[in-house]
Amino acid sequence: TNFKADTPDGVSQTYYPTGELLETITYKDGVKHGDWFRYYKSGTLQIKATYHNDKLHGHYRVINGNGDVSTEGVYNKGVSVGEWKHLDTDTRQIYIKKYDNNGKLLNEEEINERNQKRLEYYDRNRHSLDDPALHINDPSTYNF
C-alpha cells in the first residue's frame, strides 16, 4: 500500500498467504476511490467493481470459479439500483432483483418465494451437498 501523510493513497495490493495476488484496490486520501479487482488463487478475476469516496459506485460484477458471471448490477453511492442479475448455481437460471433508486427491493415477494424454495431444496439435499467448512482455507475451491 502506498501512503501519503500516513493515509493510504494509490493502488494497494493484498496477497494470499501462499503469494498469489488476492486483490488490488485504489485509495485516495485514505478512502477507497477507484477500481477494485479481486482474484481467485488461480489468478482469474472474481470481482470487478469501483469505489467512489469509500462507497461502491458503478458497475459491479462477480465471476464464479467456472467463469460464469454470477452477480451483476449497479451501485449508486453504495446503494444497489436497477436490475441485478444473479445466476442460480444449481439450475443455471438467471434471476433478477429489481431495486428503485433508493435501494428498495421492488420484487421482494418474488425473491422471498424463490429463497424459500432454495432453503427447502438445501434441506432435502443436505446430506449430499459439499460442506463449505471443508474449504475454509481456500474458499475459491468451493463449487457452489
Protein backbone atom coordinates (compact mmCIF):
# COMPACT_ATOMS: atom_id res chain seq x y z
CA THR A 1 0.00 0.00 0.00
CA ASN A 2 1.25 3.45 -0.87
CA PHE A 3 0.87 6.12 1.80
CA LYS A 4 0.69 9.89 1.70
CA ALA A 5 0.74 11.74 5.02
CA ASP A 6 0.13 8.47 6.93
CA THR A 7 -3.02 7.59 4.93
CA PRO A 8 -3.39 5.06 2.09
CA ASP A 9 -3.13 6.74 -1.30
CA GLY A 10 -2.82 4.94 -4.62
CA VAL A 11 -3.03 1.27 -5.54
CA SER A 12 -2.94 -1.25 -2.70
CA GLN A 13 -2.30 -4.95 -3.28
CA THR A 14 -3.15 -7.85 -0.97
CA TYR A 15 -1.83 -11.38 -1.42
CA TYR A 16 -2.88 -14.88 -0.39
CA PRO A 17 -0.60 -16.38 2.30
CA THR A 18 0.92 -18.51 -0.48
CA GLY A 19 1.91 -15.44 -2.51
CA GLU A 20 -0.76 -15.18 -5.21
CA LEU A 21 -2.44 -11.81 -5.77
CA LEU A 22 -5.78 -11.61 -3.92
CA GLU A 23 -6.88 -8.07 -4.73
CA THR A 24 -5.94 -4.61 -5.86
CA ILE A 25 -7.83 -1.57 -4.70
CA THR A 26 -7.21 2.13 -5.18
CA TYR A 27 -7.23 4.66 -2.34
CA LYS A 28 -7.35 8.44 -2.46
CA ASP A 29 -6.61 10.40 0.71
CA GLY A 30 -7.30 7.34 2.89
CA VAL A 31 -10.60 6.21 1.38
CA LYS A 32 -11.37 3.64 -1.30
CA HIS A 33 -11.67 5.57 -4.54
CA GLY A 34 -11.14 3.83 -7.84
CA ASP A 35 -11.02 0.34 -9.27
CA TRP A 36 -11.26 -2.80 -7.15
CA PHE A 37 -10.26 -6.19 -8.52
CA ARG A 38 -10.41 -9.43 -6.51
CA TYR A 39 -8.86 -12.65 -7.83
CA TYR A 40 -9.16 -16.36 -7.25
CA LYS A 41 -5.98 -18.10 -6.16
CA SER A 42 -5.60 -19.30 -9.76
CA GLY A 43 -5.26 -15.67 -10.88
CA THR A 44 -8.63 -15.42 -12.65
CA LEU A 45 -10.83 -12.45 -11.89
CA GLN A 46 -13.51 -12.90 -9.22
CA ILE A 47 -14.84 -9.37 -8.61
CA LYS A 48 -14.59 -6.18 -10.62
CA ALA A 49 -16.02 -3.00 -9.13
CA THR A 50 -15.35 0.67 -8.49
CA TYR A 51 -15.38 2.75 -5.33
CA HIS A 52 -16.17 6.46 -5.11
CA ASN A 53 -15.48 8.16 -1.77
CA ASP A 54 -15.40 4.81 0.10
CA LYS A 55 -18.71 3.55 -1.38
CA LEU A 56 -19.27 1.09 -4.18
CA HIS A 57 -20.35 3.09 -7.20
CA GLY A 58 -20.96 1.97 -10.77
CA HIS A 59 -20.94 -1.44 -12.39
CA TYR A 60 -20.34 -4.43 -10.10
CA ARG A 61 -19.57 -7.94 -11.39
CA VAL A 62 -18.81 -11.25 -9.67
CA ILE A 63 -17.46 -14.17 -11.69
CA ASN A 64 -17.68 -17.65 -10.21
CA GLY A 65 -14.97 -20.30 -10.33
CA ASN A 66 -16.43 -21.72 -13.54
CA GLY A 67 -16.01 -18.39 -15.34
CA ASP A 68 -19.72 -17.53 -15.36
CA VAL A 69 -20.96 -14.10 -14.27
CA SER A 70 -22.80 -14.97 -11.04
CA THR A 71 -23.82 -11.46 -9.97
CA GLU A 72 -24.03 -8.26 -11.95
CA GLY A 73 -25.57 -4.89 -11.22
CA VAL A 74 -25.01 -1.22 -10.49
CA TYR A 75 -24.30 0.64 -7.27
CA ASN A 76 -25.07 4.30 -6.79
CA LYS A 77 -23.06 5.64 -3.84
CA GLY A 78 -23.19 2.29 -2.04
CA VAL A 79 -26.83 1.52 -2.86
CA SER A 80 -27.99 -1.24 -5.23
CA VAL A 81 -30.12 0.28 -8.01
CA GLY A 82 -31.88 -1.06 -11.10
CA GLU A 83 -31.81 -4.69 -12.17
CA TRP A 84 -29.32 -7.05 -10.57
CA LYS A 85 -28.81 -10.36 -12.35
CA HIS A 86 -27.89 -13.42 -10.31
CA LEU A 87 -27.00 -16.87 -11.60
CA ASP A 88 -28.58 -19.76 -9.71
CA THR A 89 -25.68 -22.16 -9.41
CA ASP A 90 -27.83 -25.29 -9.32
CA THR A 91 -30.41 -24.60 -12.03
CA ARG A 92 -28.09 -22.39 -14.13
CA GLN A 93 -31.04 -19.98 -14.43
CA ILE A 94 -30.68 -16.23 -14.07
CA TYR A 95 -32.99 -14.48 -11.64
CA ILE A 96 -33.34 -10.74 -11.29
CA LYS A 97 -33.65 -8.49 -8.26
CA LYS A 98 -35.15 -5.09 -9.05
CA TYR A 99 -34.28 -2.05 -6.94
CA ASP A 100 -35.55 1.50 -7.04
CA ASN A 101 -33.15 4.47 -6.93
CA ASN A 102 -33.10 4.36 -3.11
CA GLY A 103 -32.10 0.69 -2.97
CA LYS A 104 -35.54 -0.66 -2.04
CA LEU A 105 -36.15 -4.15 -3.40
CA LEU A 106 -39.18 -3.93 -5.67
CA ASN A 107 -39.81 -7.64 -6.28
CA GLU A 108 -39.35 -8.74 -2.67
CA GLU A 109 -42.24 -11.22 -2.65
CA GLU A 110 -40.88 -12.99 -5.72
CA ILE A 111 -37.38 -13.17 -4.23
CA ASN A 112 -38.67 -14.40 -0.85
CA GLU A 113 -40.61 -17.16 -2.59
CA ARG A 114 -37.53 -18.15 -4.56
CA ASN A 115 -35.38 -18.16 -1.43
CA GLN A 116 -37.90 -20.34 0.40
CA LYS A 117 -37.74 -22.89 -2.42
CA ARG A 118 -33.93 -22.83 -2.26
CA LEU A 119 -33.97 -23.44 1.51
CA GLU A 120 -36.31 -26.39 1.00
CA TYR A 121 -34.00 -27.76 -1.71
CA TYR A 122 -30.94 -27.49 0.53
CA ASP A 123 -32.79 -29.05 3.44
CA ARG A 124 -33.86 -32.03 1.29
CA ASN A 125 -30.34 -32.49 -0.10
CA ARG A 126 -28.24 -31.52 2.93
CA HIS A 127 -26.58 -34.95 3.19
CA SER A 128 -25.31 -34.96 -0.39
CA LEU A 129 -24.03 -31.37 -0.64
CA ASP A 130 -20.39 -30.38 -0.20
CA ASP A 131 -19.69 -28.84 3.20
CA PRO A 132 -18.34 -25.27 2.77
CA ALA A 133 -16.37 -25.64 6.02
CA LEU A 134 -14.05 -28.05 4.21
CA HIS A 135 -12.90 -25.11 2.05
CA ILE A 136 -12.23 -22.61 4.83
CA ASN A 137 -8.52 -22.26 3.92
CA ASP A 138 -9.25 -21.69 0.23
CA PRO A 139 -12.89 -20.68 -0.44
CA SER A 140 -12.16 -20.44 -4.16
CA THR A 141 -12.19 -24.27 -4.29
CA TYR A 142 -15.82 -24.44 -3.14
CA ASN A 143 -18.10 -25.13 -6.10
CA PHE A 144 -21.41 -23.56 -5.25
